[in-house]
Amino acid sequence: MTEELAVRLERLDAAAGPAAERFDAGGPLGRTAAVLPSAFNPPTHAHQHLLERALETFGISSAIALLTTRNVDKGLHGAPLADRVGMLLALGEAFPGLAVMAANQARIIDQAVALALLLPGVELDFVVGFDTLERLFAPRYYTDMEGELAPFFARHRILAANRGEVEAARVRKWLDANVARFRPRIEVLEIDEFPASLSSTQVREALRSDQDALHVAPAVRRYIEERGLYR
């Protein structure tokens, strides 16, 4: 199965324009969906908590874990992309209804275009942590930042979560100072302190030192062990 996933991901990455593909066998999505774009290297309890809290807080009907084949800042390290899809499919055991998708775009505004082509008629809200929020409003990633962000915010919301040392109050303060006319299209998503402190890096480091990966779902842990990832 991993080889088939790798071929599909390579084909997706090579597509000429923005493109996305779905990998789970779930049914049609609801009218609204929370999208969490991430490297999922590996997917942790924090990723699951972010999506579950988004659905609970804002009454969103579907959850999408969106693997990105490209990154605006980093190269690929850790688990191969096919195994990251495999881990997300395993996460579906603990998160029924989770849609697993991938897009070939690094910027959220381009991922939105790719998903809109795949999911016409579904309203998409993008869930981000503070570091991703800062990148979304970093001028270095745009030719005309405000002009490029305007069509994105006309169609989509951002759900900005507290993560790590950045509490919800600090997220709100940063938004009020930095996002200007787009502020009404950004909601603060408050998540619990413990999952907010978790990171994929912590899990990888625990596995490298032969510690148990306690902060991932059991099915994800089994997948990691069976594939010998991160060791």
Protein backbone atom coordinates (compact mmCIF):
# COMPACT_ATOMS: atom_id res chain seq x y z
CA MET A 1 0.00 0.00 0.00
CA THR A 2 2.85 2.39 0.82
CA GLU A 3 4.25 2.07 -2.70
CA GLU A 4 0.86 2.96 -4.19
CA LEU A 5 0.59 5.98 -1.89
CA ALA A 6 4.06 7.11 -2.92
CA VAL A 7 3.14 6.95 -6.61
CA ARG A 8 -0.04 8.95 -6.02
CA LEU A 9 1.85 11.59 -4.02
CA GLU A 10 4.56 11.90 -6.67
CA ARG A 11 1.90 12.36 -9.34
CA LEU A 12 0.17 14.97 -7.19
CA ASP A 13 3.38 16.88 -6.55
CA ALA A 14 4.18 16.91 -10.27
CA ALA A 15 0.79 18.41 -11.25
CA ALA A 16 1.15 21.66 -13.18
CA GLY A 17 -1.23 23.71 -11.04
CA PRO A 18 -2.76 23.64 -7.56
CA ALA A 19 -4.13 20.15 -6.92
CA ALA A 20 -5.35 18.05 -4.00
CA GLU A 21 -6.25 14.41 -3.56
CA ARG A 22 -8.22 12.43 -0.98
CA PHE A 23 -6.79 9.17 0.40
CA ASP A 24 -9.34 7.85 2.91
CA ALA A 25 -12.40 5.87 1.87
CA GLY A 26 -14.88 8.04 3.74
CA GLY A 27 -18.13 9.35 2.36
CA PRO A 28 -19.05 12.86 1.23
CA LEU A 29 -18.11 15.73 3.50
CA GLY A 30 -20.64 17.99 5.17
CA ARG A 31 -21.32 21.57 4.17
CA THR A 32 -18.46 22.89 6.32
CA ALA A 33 -15.01 21.47 7.00
CA ALA A 34 -12.10 22.34 9.29
CA VAL A 35 -8.79 21.91 7.46
CA LEU A 36 -5.56 21.35 9.38
CA PRO A 37 -2.57 21.75 7.02
CA SER A 38 0.54 20.19 8.53
CA ALA A 39 3.57 17.99 7.91
CA PHE A 40 2.15 15.29 10.29
CA ASN A 41 5.64 14.01 11.06
CA PRO A 42 4.04 12.18 12.91
CA PRO A 43 0.39 13.09 13.64
CA THR A 44 0.02 13.58 17.41
CA HIS A 45 -2.73 14.02 19.98
CA ALA A 46 -2.30 17.76 19.43
CA HIS A 47 -3.34 17.47 15.77
CA GLN A 48 -6.39 15.41 16.73
CA HIS A 49 -7.32 17.81 19.54
CA LEU A 50 -7.07 20.84 17.23
CA LEU A 51 -9.53 19.37 14.76
CA GLU A 52 -11.91 18.01 17.38
CA ARG A 53 -12.00 21.35 19.20
CA ALA A 54 -12.61 23.21 15.92
CA LEU A 55 -15.63 21.01 15.19
CA GLU A 56 -17.00 21.40 18.72
CA THR A 57 -16.40 25.15 19.05
CA PHE A 58 -17.65 26.33 15.67
CA GLY A 59 -20.23 23.68 14.78
CA ILE A 60 -18.22 22.51 11.77
CA SER A 61 -19.41 19.24 10.26
CA SER A 62 -16.23 17.63 8.85
CA ALA A 63 -12.50 17.45 9.60
CA ILE A 64 -9.69 17.32 7.04
CA ALA A 65 -6.07 16.48 7.81
CA LEU A 66 -4.19 18.06 4.90
CA LEU A 67 -0.65 16.84 4.24
CA THR A 68 1.38 19.29 2.18
CA THR A 69 3.96 17.90 -0.23
CA ARG A 70 5.82 21.22 -0.21
CA ASN A 71 6.81 23.62 2.57
CA VAL A 72 7.60 27.31 2.37
CA ASP A 73 10.60 27.00 4.72
CA LYS A 74 11.69 23.39 5.26
CA GLY A 75 12.84 20.43 3.24
CA LEU A 76 11.57 16.89 3.77
CA HIS A 77 12.98 15.02 6.76
CA GLY A 78 11.73 12.23 8.99
CA ALA A 79 9.05 9.90 7.66
CA PRO A 80 8.45 9.64 3.90
CA LEU A 81 5.27 11.34 2.72
CA ALA A 82 3.61 8.00 1.94
CA ASP A 83 4.11 6.91 5.56
CA ARG A 84 2.64 10.19 6.80
CA VAL A 85 -0.51 9.43 4.80
CA GLY A 86 -0.41 5.91 6.24
CA MET A 87 -0.22 7.30 9.78
CA LEU A 88 -3.14 9.65 9.12
CA LEU A 89 -5.20 6.76 7.79
CA ALA A 90 -4.34 4.88 10.98
CA LEU A 91 -5.42 7.90 13.03
CA GLY A 92 -8.89 7.44 11.54
CA GLU A 93 -9.28 4.50 13.94
CA ALA A 94 -9.33 6.99 16.84
CA PHE A 95 -10.97 9.80 14.87
CA PRO A 96 -13.90 8.36 12.86
CA GLY A 97 -14.81 10.47 9.86
CA LEU A 98 -11.39 12.09 9.51
CA ALA A 99 -10.77 12.95 5.85
CA VAL A 100 -7.13 12.45 4.81
CA MET A 101 -5.98 14.62 1.93
CA ALA A 102 -2.81 16.04 0.41
CA ALA A 103 -2.12 19.16 -1.63
CA ASN A 104 0.84 20.13 -3.77
CA GLN A 105 1.01 23.75 -2.56
CA ALA A 106 3.09 25.26 0.24
CA ARG A 107 1.07 28.40 0.97
CA ILE A 108 -2.33 28.14 2.64
CA ILE A 109 -3.90 30.48 0.11
CA ASP A 110 -2.84 28.09 -2.69
CA GLN A 111 -3.90 25.01 -0.72
CA ALA A 112 -7.35 26.61 -0.51
CA VAL A 113 -7.48 26.87 -4.30
CA ALA A 114 -6.49 23.20 -4.65
CA LEU A 115 -9.11 22.04 -2.14
CA ALA A 116 -11.84 24.17 -3.69
CA LEU A 117 -11.26 22.35 -6.98
CA LEU A 118 -11.54 18.98 -5.23
CA LEU A 119 -14.42 19.91 -2.91
CA PRO A 120 -16.78 22.32 -4.69
CA GLY A 121 -19.51 23.63 -2.43
CA VAL A 122 -17.73 22.84 0.86
CA GLU A 123 -16.98 25.84 3.10
CA LEU A 124 -13.40 25.53 4.37
CA ASP A 125 -11.99 26.93 7.61
CA PHE A 126 -8.22 26.56 8.06
CA VAL A 127 -6.87 25.65 11.50
CA VAL A 128 -3.39 27.04 12.24
CA GLY A 129 -0.98 27.36 15.14
CA PHE A 130 0.76 30.61 15.95
CA ASP A 131 3.87 29.95 13.86
CA THR A 132 1.77 29.24 10.79
CA LEU A 133 -0.36 32.32 11.51
CA GLU A 134 2.76 34.49 11.52
CA ARG A 135 3.90 32.98 8.21
CA LEU A 136 0.48 33.63 6.67
CA PHE A 137 1.03 37.35 7.27
CA ALA A 138 4.75 37.47 6.41
CA PRO A 139 5.27 39.74 3.36
CA ARG A 140 8.27 37.71 2.14
CA TYR A 141 5.93 34.98 0.87
CA TYR A 142 3.99 37.33 -1.43
CA THR A 143 4.41 39.73 -4.29
CA ASP A 144 1.36 41.72 -3.11
CA MET A 145 0.36 40.35 0.29
CA GLU A 146 -2.90 42.21 0.80
CA GLY A 147 -4.01 41.67 -2.79
CA GLU A 148 -3.28 37.93 -2.60
CA LEU A 149 -4.87 37.46 0.82
CA ALA A 150 -8.09 39.30 -0.06
CA PRO A 151 -9.65 36.55 -2.26
CA PHE A 152 -8.66 33.90 0.29
CA PHE A 153 -10.39 35.71 3.18
CA ALA A 154 -13.42 36.43 1.01
CA ARG A 155 -14.04 32.66 0.90
CA HIS A 156 -12.42 31.20 4.02
CA ARG A 157 -11.83 31.77 7.73
CA ILE A 158 -8.71 31.15 9.77
CA LEU A 159 -9.07 29.45 13.16
CA ALA A 160 -5.92 30.46 15.04
CA ALA A 161 -4.99 28.27 18.01
CA ASN A 162 -2.84 28.85 21.05
CA ARG A 163 0.22 26.59 20.96
CA GLY A 164 3.16 26.08 23.31
CA GLU A 165 4.16 29.29 25.06
CA VAL A 166 1.67 31.38 23.08
CA GLU A 167 -1.56 31.67 25.09
CA ALA A 168 -4.91 32.61 23.55
CA ALA A 169 -4.69 36.16 24.91
CA ARG A 170 -1.39 36.68 23.11
CA VAL A 171 -2.87 35.33 19.87
CA ARG A 172 -5.71 37.88 20.14
CA LYS A 173 -3.28 40.71 20.88
CA TRP A 174 -1.11 39.77 17.89
CA LEU A 175 -4.14 39.59 15.60
CA ASP A 176 -5.41 42.99 16.69
CA ALA A 177 -2.01 44.50 15.92
CA ASN A 178 -1.12 42.75 12.68
CA VAL A 179 -3.97 41.61 10.43
CA ALA A 180 -5.83 44.87 9.75
CA ARG A 181 -9.01 44.46 7.69
CA PHE A 182 -8.85 40.66 7.75
CA ARG A 183 -9.40 40.48 11.53
CA PRO A 184 -13.18 39.72 11.26
CA ARG A 185 -12.34 36.59 9.26
CA ILE A 186 -10.04 35.14 11.94
CA GLU A 187 -11.32 33.34 15.03
CA VAL A 188 -9.23 32.33 18.02
CA LEU A 189 -9.46 28.60 18.74
CA GLU A 190 -8.65 27.92 22.39
CA ILE A 191 -7.25 24.45 23.03
CA ASP A 192 -6.28 22.73 26.27
CA GLU A 193 -2.89 23.43 27.82
CA PHE A 194 -1.46 19.91 27.53
CA PRO A 195 -2.16 19.25 23.83
CA ALA A 196 -1.10 22.83 23.12
CA SER A 197 2.34 21.92 24.49
CA LEU A 198 2.82 18.81 22.33
CA SER A 199 4.84 18.68 19.12
CA SER A 200 5.82 16.11 16.52
CA THR A 201 9.45 16.90 17.35
CA GLN A 202 8.93 15.61 20.90
CA VAL A 203 7.55 12.32 19.58
CA ARG A 204 10.44 11.87 17.13
CA GLU A 205 13.01 12.55 19.84
CA ALA A 206 11.32 10.09 22.21
CA LEU A 207 11.42 7.37 19.55
CA ARG A 208 15.06 8.03 18.73
CA SER A 209 15.96 7.50 22.40
CA ASP A 210 13.83 4.32 22.57
CA GLN A 211 11.12 5.90 24.69
CA ASP A 212 7.47 5.09 24.15
CA ALA A 213 5.57 7.47 21.85
CA LEU A 214 2.87 8.28 24.38
CA HIS A 215 1.49 11.29 22.58
CA VAL A 216 0.15 9.59 19.48
CA ALA A 217 -2.95 7.44 19.00
CA PRO A 218 -2.39 3.67 19.55
CA ALA A 219 -2.98 2.87 15.87
CA VAL A 220 -0.43 5.52 14.86
CA ARG A 221 2.06 4.08 17.35
CA ARG A 222 1.56 0.60 15.90
CA TYR A 223 2.12 1.94 12.38
CA ILE A 224 5.34 3.68 13.47
CA GLU A 225 6.63 0.51 15.12
CA GLU A 226 5.70 -1.76 12.21
CA ARG A 227 7.41 0.54 9.70
CA GLY A 228 10.41 1.24 11.96
CA LEU A 229 10.00 5.00 11.56
CA TYR A 230 12.15 7.62 13.31
CA ARG A 231 14.55 5.12 14.93
